[in-house]
Amino acid sequence: MSTTRMADPGPIALRAASEAEDNVGVRETPGRNNYGKFVAVYLAAVGLLQGNPWCMALLSAGKPACRLVSPHVKTGRTQGFVERPSAL
């Protein structure tokens, strides 16, 4: 049986993994959806205030280093990102 070796991850993948590890354990303020110290940072990266969905904003906050998300799509909602594929 032959095995196929996967290529080593490139610099963008390594940076993305590092940024993801830096955000492990981030939580919203207990009892307050879409609020918190780091949530505010993520939302500010896409021009939104606390209280807005932030799942996609997390990726946008890391995009300058990782180039994971199109600079044309600034949203906190994953659905907002998916609904605008032409901006990619």
Protein backbone atom coordinates (compact mmCIF):
# COMPACT_ATOMS: atom_id res chain seq x y z
CA MET A 1 0.00 0.00 0.00
CA SER A 2 1.46 3.35 -1.00
CA THR A 3 1.09 6.44 1.13
CA THR A 4 0.79 9.94 -0.18
CA ARG A 5 2.61 12.60 1.77
CA MET A 6 0.83 15.92 2.02
CA ALA A 7 2.79 19.05 1.24
CA ASP A 8 4.07 21.08 4.17
CA PRO A 9 1.78 23.99 5.02
CA GLY A 10 2.73 27.31 3.49
CA PRO A 11 3.28 30.57 5.35
CA ILE A 12 -0.34 31.70 5.06
CA ALA A 13 -1.61 28.42 6.54
CA LEU A 14 0.92 28.61 9.36
CA ARG A 15 -0.05 32.21 10.14
CA ALA A 16 -3.77 31.31 10.08
CA ALA A 17 -3.16 28.42 12.48
CA SER A 18 -1.18 30.68 14.80
CA GLU A 19 -3.91 33.32 14.81
CA ALA A 20 -6.55 30.67 15.46
CA GLU A 21 -4.55 29.33 18.42
CA ASP A 22 -4.28 32.86 19.81
CA ASN A 23 -8.08 33.06 19.88
CA VAL A 24 -8.81 29.72 21.55
CA GLY A 25 -10.97 30.29 24.59
CA VAL A 26 -12.42 33.65 23.56
CA ARG A 27 -15.89 33.90 24.98
CA GLU A 28 -18.73 36.38 25.01
CA THR A 29 -19.48 38.18 28.25
CA PRO A 30 -21.61 35.74 30.28
CA GLY A 31 -25.29 36.50 29.77
CA ARG A 32 -24.65 38.96 26.93
CA ASN A 33 -24.72 37.63 23.39
CA ASN A 34 -22.28 39.29 20.98
CA TYR A 35 -20.50 41.31 23.70
CA GLY A 36 -17.04 40.96 25.17
CA LYS A 37 -13.52 42.37 25.19
CA PHE A 38 -12.29 40.49 22.14
CA VAL A 39 -15.68 40.46 20.44
CA ALA A 40 -15.44 44.27 20.35
CA VAL A 41 -12.03 44.02 18.63
CA TYR A 42 -13.31 41.58 16.01
CA LEU A 43 -16.39 43.67 15.28
CA ALA A 44 -14.38 46.90 15.05
CA ALA A 45 -12.32 45.24 12.29
CA VAL A 46 -15.46 45.23 10.12
CA GLY A 47 -16.84 48.56 11.31
CA LEU A 48 -19.51 47.14 13.63
CA LEU A 49 -20.35 47.71 17.28
CA GLN A 50 -20.86 45.10 19.97
CA GLY A 51 -24.22 43.39 19.83
CA ASN A 52 -23.78 42.37 16.18
CA PRO A 53 -22.94 38.78 15.16
CA TRP A 54 -19.17 38.32 15.26
CA CYS A 55 -18.36 34.84 13.92
CA MET A 56 -17.23 36.11 10.50
CA ALA A 57 -15.73 39.28 11.96
CA LEU A 58 -13.16 37.07 13.71
CA LEU A 59 -11.83 35.98 10.32
CA SER A 60 -11.92 39.51 8.98
CA ALA A 61 -9.94 40.76 11.99
CA GLY A 62 -7.18 38.32 11.09
CA LYS A 63 -7.27 38.87 7.34
CA PRO A 64 -4.51 41.46 7.03
CA ALA A 65 -2.02 38.90 8.26
CA CYS A 66 -3.60 35.79 6.76
CA ARG A 67 -5.48 37.06 3.73
CA LEU A 68 -8.29 34.64 4.61
CA VAL A 69 -11.19 36.90 3.72
CA SER A 70 -11.77 39.23 0.81
CA PRO A 71 -11.15 42.87 1.77
CA HIS A 72 -14.38 43.72 -0.07
CA VAL A 73 -16.58 41.75 2.33
CA LYS A 74 -16.89 43.31 5.77
CA THR A 75 -19.47 41.54 7.86
CA GLY A 76 -19.87 39.95 11.25
CA ARG A 77 -22.34 37.37 9.98
CA THR A 78 -21.24 34.25 8.16
CA GLN A 79 -24.48 34.40 6.18
CA GLY A 80 -23.57 37.92 5.04
CA PHE A 81 -20.29 36.59 3.68
CA VAL A 82 -21.92 33.67 1.90
CA GLU A 83 -24.56 35.91 0.33
CA ARG A 84 -21.91 38.05 -1.41
CA PRO A 85 -19.70 35.59 -3.30
CA SER A 86 -19.27 38.01 -6.20
CA ALA A 87 -17.11 40.21 -3.94
CA LEU A 88 -14.50 37.49 -3.62
